[in-house]
Amino acid sequence: MMETEQRHKETFYAFEKTLRKQYLGMLAIGAGCCTKCKTCTYPDQPCRFPNEAFSSMEAYGMLVTQVCQANHLDYYYGPCTIAYTSCYLLT
């Protein structure tokens, strides 16, 4: 599970960096809370990178299963599997 999570983060961050060059106002929405910084400054201080921070899809009121179904994506890949789902809202 941890290996899959790490691969997801690497792919998520790399694709975000590529998209942000073209879509400056893009909203990246990940799986789980923001883990961009090794040490988060919140809640003691404001986020150091508010334009790059992200939240989970659920934090924005999205039901991941419904988002996947509406976009013809698999959500369940069988027993003993895990999948991390993210999205990018482009402006």
PDB file of N, CA and C in Angstrom:
ATOM      1  N   MET A   1       0.827  -1.187   0.000  1.00  0.00           N
ATOM      2  CA  MET A   1       0.000   0.000   0.000  1.00  0.00           C
ATOM      3  C   MET A   1       0.877   1.260   0.000  1.00  0.00           C
ATOM      4  N   MET A   2       1.917   1.269   0.816  1.00  0.00           N
ATOM      5  CA  MET A   2       2.786   2.440   0.907  1.00  0.00           C
ATOM      6  C   MET A   2       3.544   2.667  -0.410  1.00  0.00           C
ATOM      7  N   GLU A   3       3.928   1.584  -1.061  1.00  0.00           N
ATOM      8  CA  GLU A   3       4.626   1.704  -2.344  1.00  0.00           C
ATOM      9  C   GLU A   3       3.704   2.317  -3.401  1.00  0.00           C
ATOM     10  N   THR A   4       2.453   1.883  -3.420  1.00  0.00           N
ATOM     11  CA  THR A   4       1.483   2.434  -4.367  1.00  0.00           C
ATOM     12  C   THR A   4       1.222   3.903  -4.065  1.00  0.00           C
ATOM     13  N   GLU A   5       1.108   4.244  -2.793  1.00  0.00           N
ATOM     14  CA  GLU A   5       0.897   5.639  -2.416  1.00  0.00           C
ATOM     15  C   GLU A   5       2.067   6.512  -2.877  1.00  0.00           C
ATOM     16  N   GLN A   6       3.280   6.039  -2.704  1.00  0.00           N
ATOM     17  CA  GLN A   6       4.461   6.801  -3.116  1.00  0.00           C
ATOM     18  C   GLN A   6       4.489   7.001  -4.629  1.00  0.00           C
ATOM     19  N   ARG A   7       4.170   5.962  -5.386  1.00  0.00           N
ATOM     20  CA  ARG A   7       4.122   6.097  -6.861  1.00  0.00           C
ATOM     21  C   ARG A   7       3.049   7.077  -7.274  1.00  0.00           C
ATOM     22  N   HIS A   8       1.897   7.035  -6.591  1.00  0.00           N
ATOM     23  CA  HIS A   8       0.816   7.971  -6.905  1.00  0.00           C
ATOM     24  C   HIS A   8       1.279   9.409  -6.664  1.00  0.00           C
ATOM     25  N   LYS A   9       1.909   9.664  -5.526  1.00  0.00           N
ATOM     26  CA  LYS A   9       2.379  11.013  -5.210  1.00  0.00           C
ATOM     27  C   LYS A   9       3.356  11.510  -6.265  1.00  0.00           C
ATOM     28  N   GLU A  10       4.308  10.671  -6.640  1.00  0.00           N
ATOM     29  CA  GLU A  10       5.304  11.074  -7.632  1.00  0.00           C
ATOM     30  C   GLU A  10       4.641  11.422  -8.956  1.00  0.00           C
ATOM     31  N   THR A  11       3.713  10.599  -9.397  1.00  0.00           N
ATOM     32  CA  THR A  11       3.011  10.848 -10.658  1.00  0.00           C
ATOM     33  C   THR A  11       2.126  12.078 -10.544  1.00  0.00           C
ATOM     34  N   PHE A  12       1.402  12.191  -9.441  1.00  0.00           N
ATOM     35  CA  PHE A  12       0.509  13.330  -9.208  1.00  0.00           C
ATOM     36  C   PHE A  12       1.289  14.645  -9.243  1.00  0.00           C
ATOM     37  N   TYR A  13       2.412  14.717  -8.517  1.00  0.00           N
ATOM     38  CA  TYR A  13       3.223  15.940  -8.468  1.00  0.00           C
ATOM     39  C   TYR A  13       3.840  16.268  -9.823  1.00  0.00           C
ATOM     40  N   ALA A  14       4.341  15.257 -10.521  1.00  0.00           N
ATOM     41  CA  ALA A  14       4.969  15.494 -11.820  1.00  0.00           C
ATOM     42  C   ALA A  14       3.951  16.012 -12.833  1.00  0.00           C
ATOM     43  N   PHE A  15       2.769  15.405 -12.876  1.00  0.00           N
ATOM     44  CA  PHE A  15       1.748  15.840 -13.826  1.00  0.00           C
ATOM     45  C   PHE A  15       1.223  17.215 -13.459  1.00  0.00           C
ATOM     46  N   GLU A  16       1.098  17.476 -12.160  1.00  0.00           N
ATOM     47  CA  GLU A  16       0.674  18.803 -11.705  1.00  0.00           C
ATOM     48  C   GLU A  16       1.661  19.869 -12.191  1.00  0.00           C
ATOM     49  N   LYS A  17       2.936  19.603 -12.049  1.00  0.00           N
ATOM     50  CA  LYS A  17       3.970  20.560 -12.473  1.00  0.00           C
ATOM     51  C   LYS A  17       3.871  20.835 -13.976  1.00  0.00           C
ATOM     52  N   THR A  18       3.645  19.801 -14.746  1.00  0.00           N
ATOM     53  CA  THR A  18       3.506  19.950 -16.207  1.00  0.00           C
ATOM     54  C   THR A  18       2.259  20.763 -16.551  1.00  0.00           C
ATOM     55  N   LEU A  19       1.127  20.434 -15.952  1.00  0.00           N
ATOM     56  CA  LEU A  19      -0.117  21.140 -16.246  1.00  0.00           C
ATOM     57  C   LEU A  19      -0.086  22.596 -15.799  1.00  0.00           C
ATOM     58  N   ARG A  20       0.549  22.853 -14.664  1.00  0.00           N
ATOM     59  CA  ARG A  20       0.551  24.208 -14.109  1.00  0.00           C
ATOM     60  C   ARG A  20       1.261  25.206 -15.034  1.00  0.00           C
ATOM     61  N   LYS A  21       2.146  24.750 -15.876  1.00  0.00           N
ATOM     62  CA  LYS A  21       2.823  25.629 -16.838  1.00  0.00           C
ATOM     63  C   LYS A  21       1.819  26.239 -17.812  1.00  0.00           C
ATOM     64  N   GLN A  22       0.796  25.476 -18.160  1.00  0.00           N
ATOM     65  CA  GLN A  22      -0.198  25.946 -19.119  1.00  0.00           C
ATOM     66  C   GLN A  22      -1.462  26.473 -18.439  1.00  0.00           C
ATOM     67  N   TYR A  23      -1.805  25.921 -17.282  1.00  0.00           N
ATOM     68  CA  TYR A  23      -3.037  26.282 -16.582  1.00  0.00           C
ATOM     69  C   TYR A  23      -2.684  26.850 -15.207  1.00  0.00           C
ATOM     70  N   LEU A  24      -2.380  28.132 -15.164  1.00  0.00           N
ATOM     71  CA  LEU A  24      -1.903  28.756 -13.930  1.00  0.00           C
ATOM     72  C   LEU A  24      -2.921  28.704 -12.801  1.00  0.00           C
ATOM     73  N   GLY A  25      -4.197  28.767 -13.125  1.00  0.00           N
ATOM     74  CA  GLY A  25      -5.242  28.751 -12.109  1.00  0.00           C
ATOM     75  C   GLY A  25      -5.790  27.365 -11.815  1.00  0.00           C
ATOM     76  N   MET A  26      -5.080  26.341 -12.243  1.00  0.00           N
ATOM     77  CA  MET A  26      -5.527  24.969 -12.079  1.00  0.00           C
ATOM     78  C   MET A  26      -5.693  24.607 -10.601  1.00  0.00           C
ATOM     79  N   LEU A  27      -6.663  23.759 -10.330  1.00  0.00           N
ATOM     80  CA  LEU A  27      -6.868  23.246  -8.985  1.00  0.00           C
ATOM     81  C   LEU A  27      -6.563  21.753  -9.015  1.00  0.00           C
ATOM     82  N   ALA A  28      -5.488  21.366  -8.359  1.00  0.00           N
ATOM     83  CA  ALA A  28      -5.125  19.955  -8.260  1.00  0.00           C
ATOM     84  C   ALA A  28      -5.795  19.383  -7.021  1.00  0.00           C
ATOM     85  N   ILE A  29      -6.490  18.270  -7.189  1.00  0.00           N
ATOM     86  CA  ILE A  29      -7.195  17.637  -6.086  1.00  0.00           C
ATOM     87  C   ILE A  29      -6.699  16.201  -5.992  1.00  0.00           C
ATOM     88  N   GLY A  30      -6.107  15.883  -4.870  1.00  0.00           N
ATOM     89  CA  GLY A  30      -5.449  14.592  -4.726  1.00  0.00           C
ATOM     90  C   GLY A  30      -6.217  13.584  -3.906  1.00  0.00           C
ATOM     91  N   ALA A  31      -5.478  12.571  -3.503  1.00  0.00           N
ATOM     92  CA  ALA A  31      -6.014  11.526  -2.630  1.00  0.00           C
ATOM     93  C   ALA A  31      -5.446  11.780  -1.241  1.00  0.00           C
ATOM     94  N   GLY A  32      -6.285  12.201  -0.335  1.00  0.00           N
ATOM     95  CA  GLY A  32      -5.812  12.503   1.008  1.00  0.00           C
ATOM     96  C   GLY A  32      -5.394  13.954   1.145  1.00  0.00           C
ATOM     97  N   CYS A  33      -4.824  14.254   2.284  1.00  0.00           N
ATOM     98  CA  CYS A  33      -4.427  15.640   2.551  1.00  0.00           C
ATOM     99  C   CYS A  33      -3.123  15.987   1.850  1.00  0.00           C
ATOM    100  N   CYS A  34      -2.829  17.262   1.791  1.00  0.00           N
ATOM    101  CA  CYS A  34      -1.626  17.755   1.132  1.00  0.00           C
ATOM    102  C   CYS A  34      -0.391  17.237   1.865  1.00  0.00           C
ATOM    103  N   THR A  35       0.555  16.754   1.097  1.00  0.00           N
ATOM    104  CA  THR A  35       1.821  16.260   1.648  1.00  0.00           C
ATOM    105  C   THR A  35       2.997  16.853   0.885  1.00  0.00           C
ATOM    106  N   LYS A  36       2.769  18.008   0.275  1.00  0.00           N
ATOM    107  CA  LYS A  36       3.785  18.618  -0.568  1.00  0.00           C
ATOM    108  C   LYS A  36       5.050  18.967   0.217  1.00  0.00           C
ATOM    109  N   CYS A  37       4.898  19.487   1.423  1.00  0.00           N
ATOM    110  CA  CYS A  37       6.052  19.871   2.246  1.00  0.00           C
ATOM    111  C   CYS A  37       6.339  18.786   3.280  1.00  0.00           C
ATOM    112  N   LYS A  38       7.610  18.606   3.596  1.00  0.00           N
ATOM    113  CA  LYS A  38       7.948  17.634   4.643  1.00  0.00           C
ATOM    114  C   LYS A  38       7.364  18.047   5.978  1.00  0.00           C
ATOM    115  N   THR A  39       7.404  19.350   6.277  1.00  0.00           N
ATOM    116  CA  THR A  39       6.829  19.882   7.505  1.00  0.00           C
ATOM    117  C   THR A  39       5.834  20.968   7.144  1.00  0.00           C
ATOM    118  N   CYS A  40       4.581  20.734   7.473  1.00  0.00           N
ATOM    119  CA  CYS A  40       3.529  21.699   7.170  1.00  0.00           C
ATOM    120  C   CYS A  40       3.544  22.824   8.200  1.00  0.00           C
ATOM    121  N   THR A  41       3.345  24.042   7.747  1.00  0.00           N
ATOM    122  CA  THR A  41       3.319  25.194   8.648  1.00  0.00           C
ATOM    123  C   THR A  41       1.941  25.413   9.265  1.00  0.00           C
ATOM    124  N   TYR A  42       0.907  24.840   8.657  1.00  0.00           N
ATOM    125  CA  TYR A  42      -0.455  24.999   9.137  1.00  0.00           C
ATOM    126  C   TYR A  42      -0.676  24.138  10.375  1.00  0.00           C
ATOM    127  N   PRO A  43      -1.376  24.549  11.390  1.00  0.00           N
ATOM    128  CA  PRO A  43      -2.176  25.750  11.539  1.00  0.00           C
ATOM    129  C   PRO A  43      -1.431  26.892  12.233  1.00  0.00           C
ATOM    130  N   ASP A  44      -0.173  26.683  12.578  1.00  0.00           N
ATOM    131  CA  ASP A  44       0.573  27.730  13.286  1.00  0.00           C
ATOM    132  C   ASP A  44       0.871  28.948  12.413  1.00  0.00           C
ATOM    133  N   GLN A  45       1.068  28.724  11.123  1.00  0.00           N
ATOM    134  CA  GLN A  45       1.344  29.795  10.167  1.00  0.00           C
ATOM    135  C   GLN A  45       0.631  29.472   8.860  1.00  0.00           C
ATOM    136  N   PRO A  46       0.468  30.476   7.998  1.00  0.00           N
ATOM    137  CA  PRO A  46      -0.167  30.210   6.705  1.00  0.00           C
ATOM    138  C   PRO A  46       0.676  29.257   5.855  1.00  0.00           C
ATOM    139  N   CYS A  47       0.040  28.617   4.924  1.00  0.00           N
ATOM    140  CA  CYS A  47       0.724  27.723   3.982  1.00  0.00           C
ATOM    141  C   CYS A  47       1.791  28.505   3.221  1.00  0.00           C
ATOM    142  N   ARG A  48       2.947  27.892   3.052  1.00  0.00           N
ATOM    143  CA  ARG A  48       4.038  28.545   2.310  1.00  0.00           C
ATOM    144  C   ARG A  48       3.785  28.554   0.807  1.00  0.00           C
ATOM    145  N   PHE A  49       2.995  27.612   0.330  1.00  0.00           N
ATOM    146  CA  PHE A  49       2.739  27.486  -1.111  1.00  0.00           C
ATOM    147  C   PHE A  49       1.244  27.312  -1.371  1.00  0.00           C
ATOM    148  N   PRO A  50       0.439  28.331  -1.059  1.00  0.00           N
ATOM    149  CA  PRO A  50      -1.022  28.167  -1.182  1.00  0.00           C
ATOM    150  C   PRO A  50      -1.496  27.869  -2.601  1.00  0.00           C
ATOM    151  N   ASN A  51      -0.770  28.292  -3.607  1.00  0.00           N
ATOM    152  CA  ASN A  51      -1.174  28.020  -4.991  1.00  0.00           C
ATOM    153  C   ASN A  51      -0.792  26.620  -5.438  1.00  0.00           C
ATOM    154  N   GLU A  52      -0.027  25.916  -4.627  1.00  0.00           N
ATOM    155  CA  GLU A  52       0.399  24.558  -4.977  1.00  0.00           C
ATOM    156  C   GLU A  52      -0.154  23.508  -4.019  1.00  0.00           C
ATOM    157  N   ALA A  53      -0.727  23.932  -2.912  1.00  0.00           N
ATOM    158  CA  ALA A  53      -1.287  22.991  -1.941  1.00  0.00           C
ATOM    159  C   ALA A  53      -2.515  22.313  -2.542  1.00  0.00           C
ATOM    160  N   PHE A  54      -2.856  21.163  -2.033  1.00  0.00           N
ATOM    161  CA  PHE A  54      -4.048  20.481  -2.524  1.00  0.00           C
ATOM    162  C   PHE A  54      -4.790  19.820  -1.376  1.00  0.00           C
ATOM    163  N   SER A  55      -6.018  19.508  -1.636  1.00  0.00           N
ATOM    164  CA  SER A  55      -6.858  18.779  -0.689  1.00  0.00           C
ATOM    165  C   SER A  55      -7.359  17.523  -1.373  1.00  0.00           C
ATOM    166  N   SER A  56      -8.100  16.731  -0.634  1.00  0.00           N
ATOM    167  CA  SER A  56      -8.638  15.507  -1.212  1.00  0.00           C
ATOM    168  C   SER A  56      -9.910  15.804  -2.002  1.00  0.00           C
ATOM    169  N   MET A  57     -10.265  14.880  -2.863  1.00  0.00           N
ATOM    170  CA  MET A  57     -11.499  15.017  -3.629  1.00  0.00           C
ATOM    171  C   MET A  57     -12.690  15.077  -2.677  1.00  0.00           C
ATOM    172  N   GLU A  58     -12.642  14.276  -1.625  1.00  0.00           N
ATOM    173  CA  GLU A  58     -13.739  14.250  -0.654  1.00  0.00           C
ATOM    174  C   GLU A  58     -13.881  15.591   0.066  1.00  0.00           C
ATOM    175  N   ALA A  59     -12.772  16.285   0.297  1.00  0.00           N
ATOM    176  CA  ALA A  59     -12.823  17.584   0.976  1.00  0.00           C
ATOM    177  C   ALA A  59     -13.582  18.611   0.142  1.00  0.00           C
ATOM    178  N   TYR A  60     -13.649  18.403  -1.159  1.00  0.00           N
ATOM    179  CA  TYR A  60     -14.409  19.282  -2.049  1.00  0.00           C
ATOM    180  C   TYR A  60     -15.820  18.753  -2.299  1.00  0.00           C
ATOM    181  N   GLY A  61     -16.208  17.740  -1.550  1.00  0.00           N
ATOM    182  CA  GLY A  61     -17.560  17.201  -1.655  1.00  0.00           C
ATOM    183  C   GLY A  61     -17.741  16.201  -2.779  1.00  0.00           C
ATOM    184  N   MET A  62     -16.666  15.758  -3.379  1.00  0.00           N
ATOM    185  CA  MET A  62     -16.757  14.779  -4.461  1.00  0.00           C
ATOM    186  C   MET A  62     -16.815  13.370  -3.880  1.00  0.00           C
ATOM    187  N   LEU A  63     -17.650  12.542  -4.444  1.00  0.00           N
ATOM    188  CA  LEU A  63     -17.673  11.130  -4.102  1.00  0.00           C
ATOM    189  C   LEU A  63     -16.866  10.416  -5.181  1.00  0.00           C
ATOM    190  N   VAL A  64     -15.728   9.897  -4.805  1.00  0.00           N
ATOM    191  CA  VAL A  64     -14.785   9.346  -5.782  1.00  0.00           C
ATOM    192  C   VAL A  64     -15.439   8.268  -6.633  1.00  0.00           C
ATOM    193  N   THR A  65     -16.229   7.407  -6.029  1.00  0.00           N
ATOM    194  CA  THR A  65     -16.882   6.356  -6.810  1.00  0.00           C
ATOM    195  C   THR A  65     -17.768   6.957  -7.896  1.00  0.00           C
ATOM    196  N   GLN A  66     -18.512   8.008  -7.567  1.00  0.00           N
ATOM    197  CA  GLN A  66     -19.391   8.636  -8.558  1.00  0.00           C
ATOM    198  C   GLN A  66     -18.599   9.351  -9.642  1.00  0.00           C
ATOM    199  N   VAL A  67     -17.508  10.016  -9.274  1.00  0.00           N
ATOM    200  CA  VAL A  67     -16.665  10.694 -10.271  1.00  0.00           C
ATOM    201  C   VAL A  67     -16.106   9.661 -11.246  1.00  0.00           C
ATOM    202  N   CYS A  68     -15.640   8.539 -10.714  1.00  0.00           N
ATOM    203  CA  CYS A  68     -15.106   7.490 -11.590  1.00  0.00           C
ATOM    204  C   CYS A  68     -16.191   6.935 -12.506  1.00  0.00           C
ATOM    205  N   GLN A  69     -17.354   6.627 -11.949  1.00  0.00           N
ATOM    206  CA  GLN A  69     -18.449   6.089 -12.762  1.00  0.00           C
ATOM    207  C   GLN A  69     -18.864   7.066 -13.852  1.00  0.00           C
ATOM    208  N   ALA A  70     -18.984   8.340 -13.521  1.00  0.00           N
ATOM    209  CA  ALA A  70     -19.405   9.349 -14.497  1.00  0.00           C
ATOM    210  C   ALA A  70     -18.390   9.520 -15.623  1.00  0.00           C
ATOM    211  N   ASN A  71     -17.155   9.140 -15.366  1.00  0.00           N
ATOM    212  CA  ASN A  71     -16.099   9.286 -16.373  1.00  0.00           C
ATOM    213  C   ASN A  71     -15.633   7.947 -16.929  1.00  0.00           C
ATOM    214  N   HIS A  72     -16.435   6.922 -16.703  1.00  0.00           N
ATOM    215  CA  HIS A  72     -16.182   5.576 -17.239  1.00  0.00           C
ATOM    216  C   HIS A  72     -14.811   5.037 -16.826  1.00  0.00           C
ATOM    217  N   LEU A  73     -14.466   5.266 -15.551  1.00  0.00           N
ATOM    218  CA  LEU A  73     -13.214   4.765 -14.994  1.00  0.00           C
ATOM    219  C   LEU A  73     -13.519   3.699 -13.952  1.00  0.00           C
ATOM    220  N   ASP A  74     -12.675   2.697 -13.892  1.00  0.00           N
ATOM    221  CA  ASP A  74     -12.826   1.690 -12.849  1.00  0.00           C
ATOM    222  C   ASP A  74     -12.488   2.308 -11.502  1.00  0.00           C
ATOM    223  N   TYR A  75     -13.183   1.840 -10.478  1.00  0.00           N
ATOM    224  CA  TYR A  75     -12.889   2.266  -9.112  1.00  0.00           C
ATOM    225  C   TYR A  75     -12.393   1.076  -8.298  1.00  0.00           C
ATOM    226  N   TYR A  76     -13.014  -0.060  -8.535  1.00  0.00           N
ATOM    227  CA  TYR A  76     -12.656  -1.275  -7.807  1.00  0.00           C
ATOM    228  C   TYR A  76     -11.900  -2.207  -8.737  1.00  0.00           C
ATOM    229  N   TYR A  77     -10.729  -2.626  -8.304  1.00  0.00           N
ATOM    230  CA  TYR A  77      -9.877  -3.475  -9.125  1.00  0.00           C
ATOM    231  C   TYR A  77      -9.730  -4.876  -8.546  1.00  0.00           C
ATOM    232  N   GLY A  78     -10.622  -5.254  -7.664  1.00  0.00           N
ATOM    233  CA  GLY A  78     -10.601  -6.598  -7.109  1.00  0.00           C
ATOM    234  C   GLY A  78     -10.020  -6.646  -5.707  1.00  0.00           C
ATOM    235  N   PRO A  79     -10.105  -7.817  -5.092  1.00  0.00           N
ATOM    236  CA  PRO A  79      -9.619  -7.963  -3.719  1.00  0.00           C
ATOM    237  C   PRO A  79      -8.101  -7.767  -3.641  1.00  0.00           C
ATOM    238  N   CYS A  80      -7.662  -7.285  -2.515  1.00  0.00           N
ATOM    239  CA  CYS A  80      -6.229  -7.079  -2.236  1.00  0.00           C
ATOM    240  C   CYS A  80      -5.586  -6.072  -3.189  1.00  0.00           C
ATOM    241  N   THR A  81      -6.357  -5.100  -3.639  1.00  0.00           N
ATOM    242  CA  THR A  81      -5.816  -4.041  -4.494  1.00  0.00           C
ATOM    243  C   THR A  81      -6.172  -2.687  -3.890  1.00  0.00           C
ATOM    244  N   ILE A  82      -5.419  -1.674  -4.291  1.00  0.00           N
ATOM    245  CA  ILE A  82      -5.703  -0.315  -3.848  1.00  0.00           C
ATOM    246  C   ILE A  82      -5.449   0.621  -5.022  1.00  0.00           C
ATOM    247  N   ALA A  83      -6.275   1.630  -5.134  1.00  0.00           N
ATOM    248  CA  ALA A  83      -6.101   2.623  -6.195  1.00  0.00           C
ATOM    249  C   ALA A  83      -6.250   4.007  -5.578  1.00  0.00           C
ATOM    250  N   TYR A  84      -5.429   4.924  -6.018  1.00  0.00           N
ATOM    251  CA  TYR A  84      -5.505   6.313  -5.581  1.00  0.00           C
ATOM    252  C   TYR A  84      -6.039   7.129  -6.739  1.00  0.00           C
ATOM    253  N   THR A  85      -7.051   7.933  -6.481  1.00  0.00           N
ATOM    254  CA  THR A  85      -7.712   8.707  -7.527  1.00  0.00           C
ATOM    255  C   THR A  85      -7.523  10.198  -7.245  1.00  0.00           C
ATOM    256  N   SER A  86      -7.139  10.933  -8.275  1.00  0.00           N
ATOM    257  CA  SER A  86      -6.953  12.380  -8.190  1.00  0.00           C
ATOM    258  C   SER A  86      -7.556  13.008  -9.434  1.00  0.00           C
ATOM    259  N   CYS A  87      -7.692  14.328  -9.400  1.00  0.00           N
ATOM    260  CA  CYS A  87      -8.151  15.022 -10.592  1.00  0.00           C
ATOM    261  C   CYS A  87      -7.562  16.440 -10.620  1.00  0.00           C
ATOM    262  N   TYR A  88      -7.617  17.028 -11.764  1.00  0.00           N
ATOM    263  CA  TYR A  88      -7.125  18.391 -11.975  1.00  0.00           C
ATOM    264  C   TYR A  88      -8.248  19.179 -12.634  1.00  0.00           C
ATOM    265  N   LEU A  89      -8.632  20.275 -12.023  1.00  0.00           N
ATOM    266  CA  LEU A  89      -9.651  21.135 -12.609  1.00  0.00           C
ATOM    267  C   LEU A  89      -8.916  22.298 -13.299  1.00  0.00           C
ATOM    268  N   LEU A  90      -9.093  22.379 -14.593  1.00  0.00           N
ATOM    269  CA  LEU A  90      -8.353  23.331 -15.411  1.00  0.00           C
ATOM    270  C   LEU A  90      -9.183  24.569 -15.699  1.00  0.00           C
ATOM    271  N   THR A  91      -8.527  25.736 -15.701  1.00  0.00           N
ATOM    272  CA  THR A  91      -9.221  26.980 -16.022  1.00  0.00           C
ATOM    273  C   THR A  91      -8.564  27.627 -17.214  1.00  0.00           C
TER     274      THR A  91
END
